[in-house]
Amino acid sequence: MFQHPVSRFLWCMIGAGAGISLALFLAGPSMVPFLLASLGGSTVFLFGLTKAAAGQPRALFGGHLGGALIGISCFQAFGDAFWVYTLAQVLGVSLMLLTKTVHPPAGGNPIIMVYVHANWDALLNPVFIGVTSLAIVAAIWSRLYPGLNHYPVKWLDRSPPKTFWGGWDH
């Protein structure tokens, strides 16, 4: 029964629902729901692609916190002009690629932070609290079902594992 694909799929959906529910509850979406949009994409990695390097803690926390930090910094320094969105996005992608902390859902954080005029406290709540709550639920959830890979699979997996910007493999 536990190894049946439908059972495993349903368990993944229960985990995703529990994880995002806790993140939304703790980070308080009623204040600024847009701040948590990128966490929805993170549930795909944590509960559906558990072994992916992009879903491991290095990329999950590094991508979300780094992208949010860039977005907040750009907004605080330059406001919310059109070019600031572009600058924040380019710097956010650059940071993730250079530090090998690519977590695709976190790629939206620079733009989100500029858009909502985020202050420095957004790094703690909702970003850190939201990401941490997702990771904790994923760690517990993955250990409750027999035969699942335990999250995290590799704490410090680099994402991407090699440098291949633009398709070149180095």
C-alpha atoms as a PDB file:
ATOM      1  CA  MET A   1       0.000   0.000   0.000  1.00  0.00           C
ATOM      2  CA  PHE A   2       2.723   2.510   0.956  1.00  0.00           C
ATOM      3  CA  GLN A   3       4.612   2.072  -2.305  1.00  0.00           C
ATOM      4  CA  HIS A   4       1.549   2.517  -4.528  1.00  0.00           C
ATOM      5  CA  PRO A   5       2.002   5.630  -6.711  1.00  0.00           C
ATOM      6  CA  VAL A   6      -1.424   7.033  -5.809  1.00  0.00           C
ATOM      7  CA  SER A   7      -0.681   6.701  -2.070  1.00  0.00           C
ATOM      8  CA  ARG A   8       2.684   8.433  -2.474  1.00  0.00           C
ATOM      9  CA  PHE A   9       1.111  11.172  -4.610  1.00  0.00           C
ATOM     10  CA  LEU A  10      -1.613  11.810  -2.042  1.00  0.00           C
ATOM     11  CA  TRP A  11       0.997  11.929   0.725  1.00  0.00           C
ATOM     12  CA  CYS A  12       2.944  14.535  -1.272  1.00  0.00           C
ATOM     13  CA  MET A  13      -0.194  16.651  -1.651  1.00  0.00           C
ATOM     14  CA  ILE A  14      -0.958  16.372   2.074  1.00  0.00           C
ATOM     15  CA  GLY A  15       2.608  17.490   2.839  1.00  0.00           C
ATOM     16  CA  ALA A  16       2.382  20.412   0.418  1.00  0.00           C
ATOM     17  CA  GLY A  17      -0.916  21.493   1.962  1.00  0.00           C
ATOM     18  CA  ALA A  18       0.406  21.213   5.512  1.00  0.00           C
ATOM     19  CA  GLY A  19       3.631  23.041   4.653  1.00  0.00           C
ATOM     20  CA  ILE A  20       2.083  26.002   2.872  1.00  0.00           C
ATOM     21  CA  SER A  21      -0.699  26.227   5.470  1.00  0.00           C
ATOM     22  CA  LEU A  22       1.819  26.539   8.283  1.00  0.00           C
ATOM     23  CA  ALA A  23       3.897  29.064   6.331  1.00  0.00           C
ATOM     24  CA  LEU A  24       0.843  31.183   5.555  1.00  0.00           C
ATOM     25  CA  PHE A  25      -0.391  30.960   9.139  1.00  0.00           C
ATOM     26  CA  LEU A  26       2.946  31.892  10.746  1.00  0.00           C
ATOM     27  CA  ALA A  27       3.967  34.577   8.267  1.00  0.00           C
ATOM     28  CA  GLY A  28       0.543  36.210   8.231  1.00  0.00           C
ATOM     29  CA  PRO A  29      -0.643  36.516   4.619  1.00  0.00           C
ATOM     30  CA  SER A  30      -3.512  38.768   5.595  1.00  0.00           C
ATOM     31  CA  MET A  31      -1.096  41.686   5.837  1.00  0.00           C
ATOM     32  CA  VAL A  32       0.719  41.298   2.508  1.00  0.00           C
ATOM     33  CA  PRO A  33      -0.160  38.047   0.693  1.00  0.00           C
ATOM     34  CA  PHE A  34       2.028  38.874  -2.293  1.00  0.00           C
ATOM     35  CA  LEU A  35       5.148  38.517  -0.124  1.00  0.00           C
ATOM     36  CA  LEU A  36       4.503  34.786   0.171  1.00  0.00           C
ATOM     37  CA  ALA A  37       3.820  34.002  -3.491  1.00  0.00           C
ATOM     38  CA  SER A  38       7.249  32.471  -4.077  1.00  0.00           C
ATOM     39  CA  LEU A  39       6.722  30.014  -1.212  1.00  0.00           C
ATOM     40  CA  GLY A  40       4.000  28.329  -3.259  1.00  0.00           C
ATOM     41  CA  GLY A  41       6.600  27.350  -5.835  1.00  0.00           C
ATOM     42  CA  SER A  42       8.923  26.106  -3.110  1.00  0.00           C
ATOM     43  CA  THR A  43       6.333  23.520  -2.093  1.00  0.00           C
ATOM     44  CA  VAL A  44       6.828  21.886  -5.511  1.00  0.00           C
ATOM     45  CA  PHE A  45      10.488  21.252  -4.704  1.00  0.00           C
ATOM     46  CA  LEU A  46      10.089  20.275  -1.060  1.00  0.00           C
ATOM     47  CA  PHE A  47       7.130  17.935  -1.469  1.00  0.00           C
ATOM     48  CA  GLY A  48       7.307  16.833  -5.105  1.00  0.00           C
ATOM     49  CA  LEU A  49      10.982  17.051  -6.106  1.00  0.00           C
ATOM     50  CA  THR A  50      12.504  16.251  -2.712  1.00  0.00           C
ATOM     51  CA  LYS A  51      15.878  15.110  -4.122  1.00  0.00           C
ATOM     52  CA  ALA A  52      16.435  18.105  -6.427  1.00  0.00           C
ATOM     53  CA  ALA A  53      19.475  20.216  -5.597  1.00  0.00           C
ATOM     54  CA  ALA A  54      17.338  23.353  -6.059  1.00  0.00           C
ATOM     55  CA  GLY A  55      15.157  22.225  -3.151  1.00  0.00           C
ATOM     56  CA  GLN A  56      17.906  21.508  -0.621  1.00  0.00           C
ATOM     57  CA  PRO A  57      18.475  23.927   2.286  1.00  0.00           C
ATOM     58  CA  ARG A  58      21.445  25.725   0.697  1.00  0.00           C
ATOM     59  CA  ALA A  59      19.355  26.722  -2.330  1.00  0.00           C
ATOM     60  CA  LEU A  60      16.055  27.081  -0.457  1.00  0.00           C
ATOM     61  CA  PHE A  61      17.352  29.464   2.199  1.00  0.00           C
ATOM     62  CA  GLY A  62      20.099  31.068   0.109  1.00  0.00           C
ATOM     63  CA  GLY A  63      17.799  31.723  -2.839  1.00  0.00           C
ATOM     64  CA  HIS A  64      14.909  33.114  -0.814  1.00  0.00           C
ATOM     65  CA  LEU A  65      16.937  35.222   1.611  1.00  0.00           C
ATOM     66  CA  GLY A  66      19.426  36.384  -1.016  1.00  0.00           C
ATOM     67  CA  GLY A  67      16.728  37.324  -3.522  1.00  0.00           C
ATOM     68  CA  ALA A  68      14.704  39.122  -0.873  1.00  0.00           C
ATOM     69  CA  LEU A  69      17.791  40.961   0.389  1.00  0.00           C
ATOM     70  CA  ILE A  70      18.593  42.170  -3.124  1.00  0.00           C
ATOM     71  CA  GLY A  71      15.011  43.315  -3.741  1.00  0.00           C
ATOM     72  CA  ILE A  72      14.779  45.147  -0.412  1.00  0.00           C
ATOM     73  CA  SER A  73      18.190  46.761  -0.931  1.00  0.00           C
ATOM     74  CA  CYS A  74      17.282  47.987  -4.409  1.00  0.00           C
ATOM     75  CA  PHE A  75      13.948  49.385  -3.248  1.00  0.00           C
ATOM     76  CA  GLN A  76      15.464  51.078  -0.196  1.00  0.00           C
ATOM     77  CA  ALA A  77      18.247  52.617  -2.287  1.00  0.00           C
ATOM     78  CA  PHE A  78      16.363  53.581  -5.460  1.00  0.00           C
ATOM     79  CA  GLY A  79      12.587  53.376  -4.954  1.00  0.00           C
ATOM     80  CA  ASP A  80      10.282  51.487  -7.289  1.00  0.00           C
ATOM     81  CA  ALA A  81      11.030  52.884 -10.739  1.00  0.00           C
ATOM     82  CA  PHE A  82      10.805  50.480 -13.682  1.00  0.00           C
ATOM     83  CA  TRP A  83      14.580  50.149 -13.952  1.00  0.00           C
ATOM     84  CA  VAL A  84      14.819  49.198 -10.256  1.00  0.00           C
ATOM     85  CA  TYR A  85      12.734  46.071 -10.893  1.00  0.00           C
ATOM     86  CA  THR A  86      15.134  45.100 -13.681  1.00  0.00           C
ATOM     87  CA  LEU A  87      18.212  45.839 -11.585  1.00  0.00           C
ATOM     88  CA  ALA A  88      16.868  43.858  -8.635  1.00  0.00           C
ATOM     89  CA  GLN A  89      16.041  40.865 -10.830  1.00  0.00           C
ATOM     90  CA  VAL A  90      19.423  40.848 -12.563  1.00  0.00           C
ATOM     91  CA  LEU A  91      21.278  41.155  -9.252  1.00  0.00           C
ATOM     92  CA  GLY A  92      19.098  38.461  -7.662  1.00  0.00           C
ATOM     93  CA  VAL A  93      19.769  35.990 -10.483  1.00  0.00           C
ATOM     94  CA  SER A  94      23.469  36.889 -10.373  1.00  0.00           C
ATOM     95  CA  LEU A  95      23.673  36.247  -6.644  1.00  0.00           C
ATOM     96  CA  MET A  96      21.957  32.858  -6.921  1.00  0.00           C
ATOM     97  CA  LEU A  97      24.161  31.761  -9.840  1.00  0.00           C
ATOM     98  CA  LEU A  98      27.418  32.938  -8.269  1.00  0.00           C
ATOM     99  CA  THR A  99      26.671  31.390  -4.868  1.00  0.00           C
ATOM    100  CA  LYS A 100      25.098  28.241  -6.382  1.00  0.00           C
ATOM    101  CA  THR A 101      21.905  28.840  -4.433  1.00  0.00           C
ATOM    102  CA  VAL A 102      19.511  28.720  -7.396  1.00  0.00           C
ATOM    103  CA  HIS A 103      15.979  28.057  -6.171  1.00  0.00           C
ATOM    104  CA  PRO A 104      13.659  28.984  -9.079  1.00  0.00           C
ATOM    105  CA  PRO A 105      10.648  30.074  -6.963  1.00  0.00           C
ATOM    106  CA  ALA A 106      12.913  32.505  -5.107  1.00  0.00           C
ATOM    107  CA  GLY A 107      13.713  34.132  -8.438  1.00  0.00           C
ATOM    108  CA  GLY A 108      10.538  36.163  -7.953  1.00  0.00           C
ATOM    109  CA  ASN A 109      11.621  37.590  -4.604  1.00  0.00           C
ATOM    110  CA  PRO A 110      13.590  40.599  -5.903  1.00  0.00           C
ATOM    111  CA  ILE A 111      10.593  41.848  -7.916  1.00  0.00           C
ATOM    112  CA  ILE A 112       8.134  41.028  -5.125  1.00  0.00           C
ATOM    113  CA  MET A 113      10.170  42.975  -2.554  1.00  0.00           C
ATOM    114  CA  VAL A 114      10.383  46.052  -4.778  1.00  0.00           C
ATOM    115  CA  TYR A 115       6.692  45.829  -5.632  1.00  0.00           C
ATOM    116  CA  VAL A 116       5.517  45.678  -2.014  1.00  0.00           C
ATOM    117  CA  HIS A 117       8.009  48.343  -0.874  1.00  0.00           C
ATOM    118  CA  ALA A 118       9.460  45.868   1.627  1.00  0.00           C
ATOM    119  CA  ASN A 119      11.445  46.944   4.657  1.00  0.00           C
ATOM    120  CA  TRP A 120      14.369  45.057   6.196  1.00  0.00           C
ATOM    121  CA  ASP A 121      12.087  43.255   8.638  1.00  0.00           C
ATOM    122  CA  ALA A 122      10.578  41.345   5.689  1.00  0.00           C
ATOM    123  CA  LEU A 123      13.732  39.201   5.697  1.00  0.00           C
ATOM    124  CA  LEU A 124      12.628  37.753   9.046  1.00  0.00           C
ATOM    125  CA  ASN A 125       8.893  37.794   8.485  1.00  0.00           C
ATOM    126  CA  PRO A 126       7.639  36.581   6.077  1.00  0.00           C
ATOM    127  CA  VAL A 127      10.727  35.252   4.233  1.00  0.00           C
ATOM    128  CA  PHE A 128      12.756  33.430   6.899  1.00  0.00           C
ATOM    129  CA  ILE A 129       9.730  32.335   8.915  1.00  0.00           C
ATOM    130  CA  GLY A 130       7.914  31.140   5.792  1.00  0.00           C
ATOM    131  CA  VAL A 131      10.889  29.216   4.397  1.00  0.00           C
ATOM    132  CA  THR A 132      11.788  27.724   7.775  1.00  0.00           C
ATOM    133  CA  SER A 133       8.256  26.515   8.408  1.00  0.00           C
ATOM    134  CA  LEU A 134       8.137  24.851   4.969  1.00  0.00           C
ATOM    135  CA  ALA A 135      11.490  23.145   5.596  1.00  0.00           C
ATOM    136  CA  ILE A 136      10.447  21.884   9.035  1.00  0.00           C
ATOM    137  CA  VAL A 137       7.194  20.428   7.725  1.00  0.00           C
ATOM    138  CA  ALA A 138       9.069  18.805   4.807  1.00  0.00           C
ATOM    139  CA  ALA A 139      11.610  17.257   7.191  1.00  0.00           C
ATOM    140  CA  ILE A 140       8.896  15.807   9.438  1.00  0.00           C
ATOM    141  CA  TRP A 141       6.527  14.842   6.603  1.00  0.00           C
ATOM    142  CA  SER A 142       9.210  12.940   4.680  1.00  0.00           C
ATOM    143  CA  ARG A 143       9.983  10.791   7.718  1.00  0.00           C
ATOM    144  CA  LEU A 144       6.399   9.772   8.430  1.00  0.00           C
ATOM    145  CA  TYR A 145       5.804   7.778   5.247  1.00  0.00           C
ATOM    146  CA  PRO A 146       7.790   4.564   4.729  1.00  0.00           C
ATOM    147  CA  GLY A 147      10.183   4.604   1.795  1.00  0.00           C
ATOM    148  CA  LEU A 148      10.266   8.336   1.058  1.00  0.00           C
ATOM    149  CA  ASN A 149      13.529  10.205   0.730  1.00  0.00           C
ATOM    150  CA  HIS A 150      14.121  12.110   3.928  1.00  0.00           C
ATOM    151  CA  TYR A 151      14.291  15.870   3.497  1.00  0.00           C
ATOM    152  CA  PRO A 152      16.847  17.315   3.342  1.00  0.00           C
ATOM    153  CA  VAL A 153      18.631  14.806   1.156  1.00  0.00           C
ATOM    154  CA  LYS A 154      21.875  16.828   1.122  1.00  0.00           C
ATOM    155  CA  TRP A 155      22.071  19.997   3.218  1.00  0.00           C
ATOM    156  CA  LEU A 156      24.675  21.798   1.142  1.00  0.00           C
ATOM    157  CA  ASP A 157      23.985  20.540  -2.383  1.00  0.00           C
ATOM    158  CA  ARG A 158      24.983  23.218  -4.864  1.00  0.00           C
ATOM    159  CA  SER A 159      22.312  24.404  -7.251  1.00  0.00           C
ATOM    160  CA  PRO A 160      23.316  24.152 -10.016  1.00  0.00           C
ATOM    161  CA  PRO A 161      25.993  21.547  -9.220  1.00  0.00           C
ATOM    162  CA  LYS A 162      28.230  22.862 -12.025  1.00  0.00           C
ATOM    163  CA  THR A 163      28.706  26.238 -13.617  1.00  0.00           C
ATOM    164  CA  PHE A 164      26.846  26.195 -16.913  1.00  0.00           C
ATOM    165  CA  TRP A 165      25.574  29.722 -17.298  1.00  0.00           C
ATOM    166  CA  GLY A 166      23.740  30.132 -20.543  1.00  0.00           C
ATOM    167  CA  GLY A 167      24.257  26.463 -21.416  1.00  0.00           C
ATOM    168  CA  TRP A 168      28.057  26.230 -21.267  1.00  0.00           C
ATOM    169  CA  ASP A 169      29.389  23.437 -19.110  1.00  0.00           C
ATOM    170  CA  HIS A 170      32.595  24.359 -17.228  1.00  0.00           C
END
